[in-house]
């Protein structure tokens, strides 16, 4: 597939250098992946836009490095309140996305976002079976 007129099949030399410099700031295990992704994003852009996007990638590379090095579990636990860590959540009722089904609701913790389903049916006391036939 050939690119449309005015587009280049790959990044311009200057954009390619900026991408290479940005990728060097990333952890070694992630470099190949992000190098390929960043180059792929530039391949069908006009040369001026490639330079602007490559500059933005370079500027954001340190933040990306921090995010890649951060342990997700540690970050999650550091943000949670003590009550949430010990299972004492502060739930609120959230309506579902379906506006036609108003019974589609769930509980969500205000602090950590944990979701808990609402029981739609009351527990049985054992006096009825199936269609409401009594055992008495």
Protein backbone atom coordinates (compact mmCIF):
# COMPACT_ATOMS: atom_id res chain seq x y z
CA UNK A 1 0.00 0.00 0.00
CA UNK A 2 1.48 3.31 -1.01
CA UNK A 3 0.81 6.36 1.11
CA UNK A 4 -1.27 9.21 -0.33
CA UNK A 5 0.56 12.05 -2.12
CA UNK A 6 2.42 14.27 0.33
CA UNK A 7 2.88 11.51 2.91
CA UNK A 8 6.10 9.62 3.56
CA UNK A 9 6.30 5.83 4.08
CA UNK A 10 8.28 6.30 7.30
CA UNK A 11 9.34 9.04 9.68
CA UNK A 12 11.59 11.83 8.49
CA UNK A 13 15.23 11.50 9.59
CA UNK A 14 14.86 14.18 12.28
CA UNK A 15 11.64 12.63 13.64
CA UNK A 16 13.34 9.21 13.67
CA UNK A 17 16.23 10.62 15.73
CA UNK A 18 13.81 12.22 18.21
CA UNK A 19 11.97 8.90 18.60
CA UNK A 20 15.25 7.05 19.14
CA UNK A 21 16.33 9.52 21.84
CA UNK A 22 12.92 9.30 23.54
CA UNK A 23 13.01 5.49 23.57
CA UNK A 24 16.48 5.42 25.17
CA UNK A 25 14.95 6.94 28.33
CA UNK A 26 12.60 3.95 28.71
CA UNK A 27 13.38 0.71 30.56
CA UNK A 28 15.28 -1.78 28.42
CA UNK A 29 12.44 -4.31 28.34
CA UNK A 30 10.04 -1.75 26.84
CA UNK A 31 12.27 -0.06 24.27
CA UNK A 32 11.57 -2.25 21.23
CA UNK A 33 7.82 -2.14 21.73
CA UNK A 34 7.60 1.64 22.09
CA UNK A 35 10.12 2.27 19.31
CA UNK A 36 7.90 0.33 16.91
CA UNK A 37 4.70 1.97 18.19
CA UNK A 38 6.04 5.52 17.98
CA UNK A 39 7.43 4.98 14.47
CA UNK A 40 4.13 3.44 13.35
CA UNK A 41 2.22 6.46 14.62
CA UNK A 42 4.40 8.76 12.51
CA UNK A 43 4.40 6.77 9.27
CA UNK A 44 1.33 8.35 7.67
CA UNK A 45 1.72 11.92 8.89
CA UNK A 46 2.99 14.85 6.90
CA UNK A 47 6.64 15.77 7.61
CA UNK A 48 5.81 18.86 9.69
CA UNK A 49 3.32 16.93 11.80
CA UNK A 50 5.84 14.09 12.26
CA UNK A 51 8.32 16.50 13.79
CA UNK A 52 5.70 17.93 16.16
CA UNK A 53 4.52 14.48 17.27
CA UNK A 54 8.08 13.19 17.71
CA UNK A 55 8.85 16.23 19.88
CA UNK A 56 5.80 15.48 22.03
CA UNK A 57 6.95 11.86 22.40
CA UNK A 58 10.37 13.08 23.52
CA UNK A 59 8.83 15.48 26.05
CA UNK A 60 6.61 12.73 27.48
CA UNK A 61 9.27 10.03 27.61
CA UNK A 62 10.29 10.70 31.23
CA UNK A 63 6.70 10.48 32.43
CA UNK A 64 6.28 7.26 30.46
CA UNK A 65 9.45 5.86 32.04
CA UNK A 66 8.10 6.61 35.53
CA UNK A 67 4.79 4.95 34.69
CA UNK A 68 6.51 1.85 33.31
CA UNK A 69 8.73 1.52 36.39
CA UNK A 70 5.93 2.05 38.89
CA UNK A 71 4.55 -1.04 40.54
CA UNK A 72 0.77 -1.04 39.97
CA UNK A 73 -0.04 -2.84 43.23
CA UNK A 74 2.07 -0.44 45.30
CA UNK A 75 0.49 2.59 43.65
CA UNK A 76 -3.01 1.24 44.24
CA UNK A 77 -2.41 0.47 47.92
CA UNK A 78 -0.78 3.84 48.56
CA UNK A 79 -3.88 5.66 47.28
CA UNK A 80 -6.41 3.63 49.24
CA UNK A 81 -7.68 4.68 52.63
CA UNK A 82 -7.26 2.48 55.67
CA UNK A 83 -10.98 1.68 55.75
CA UNK A 84 -10.87 0.38 52.19
CA UNK A 85 -7.77 -1.70 52.92
CA UNK A 86 -9.53 -3.51 55.75
CA UNK A 87 -12.78 -3.95 53.80
CA UNK A 88 -14.82 -1.10 55.31
CA UNK A 89 -15.91 0.70 52.14
CA UNK A 90 -18.20 3.72 51.85
CA UNK A 91 -20.58 2.65 49.07
CA UNK A 92 -22.95 4.78 46.99
CA UNK A 93 -25.61 3.59 44.54
CA UNK A 94 -24.67 4.02 40.87
CA UNK A 95 -27.25 3.62 38.11
CA UNK A 96 -26.31 1.46 35.13
CA UNK A 97 -25.73 2.80 31.64
CA UNK A 98 -28.97 1.33 30.28
CA UNK A 99 -31.64 4.01 30.66
CA UNK A 100 -34.41 1.54 29.79
CA UNK A 101 -33.58 -0.74 32.71
CA UNK A 102 -33.78 1.32 35.90
CA UNK A 103 -33.16 -1.74 38.07
CA UNK A 104 -29.63 -2.01 36.65
CA UNK A 105 -27.71 -0.57 39.61
CA UNK A 106 -24.62 -1.38 41.64
CA UNK A 107 -22.75 -0.05 44.65
CA UNK A 108 -19.40 1.70 44.22
CA UNK A 109 -16.98 2.80 46.96
CA UNK A 110 -16.53 6.57 47.01
CA UNK A 111 -12.83 6.31 47.89
CA UNK A 112 -11.35 3.34 46.00
CA UNK A 113 -13.94 2.58 43.30
CA UNK A 114 -14.61 -1.03 44.36
CA UNK A 115 -17.84 -2.31 42.83
CA UNK A 116 -20.37 -4.43 44.70
CA UNK A 117 -23.48 -5.89 43.07
CA UNK A 118 -26.88 -5.21 44.64
CA UNK A 119 -28.98 -8.28 45.42
CA UNK A 120 -32.19 -7.84 43.43
CA UNK A 121 -34.00 -10.69 45.14
CA UNK A 122 -34.72 -11.09 48.80
CA UNK A 123 -33.43 -14.28 50.42
CA UNK A 124 -36.07 -16.95 50.84
CA UNK A 125 -37.29 -17.92 54.30
CA UNK A 126 -37.86 -21.47 53.00
CA UNK A 127 -41.67 -21.35 53.20
CA UNK A 128 -42.11 -21.20 49.41
CA UNK A 129 -40.64 -23.11 46.50
CA UNK A 130 -40.30 -22.13 42.86
CA UNK A 131 -43.52 -20.41 41.75
CA UNK A 132 -44.71 -19.44 45.20
CA UNK A 133 -46.24 -22.77 46.24
CA UNK A 134 -46.25 -23.00 50.02
CA UNK A 135 -44.90 -26.03 51.88
CA UNK A 136 -47.20 -25.63 54.83
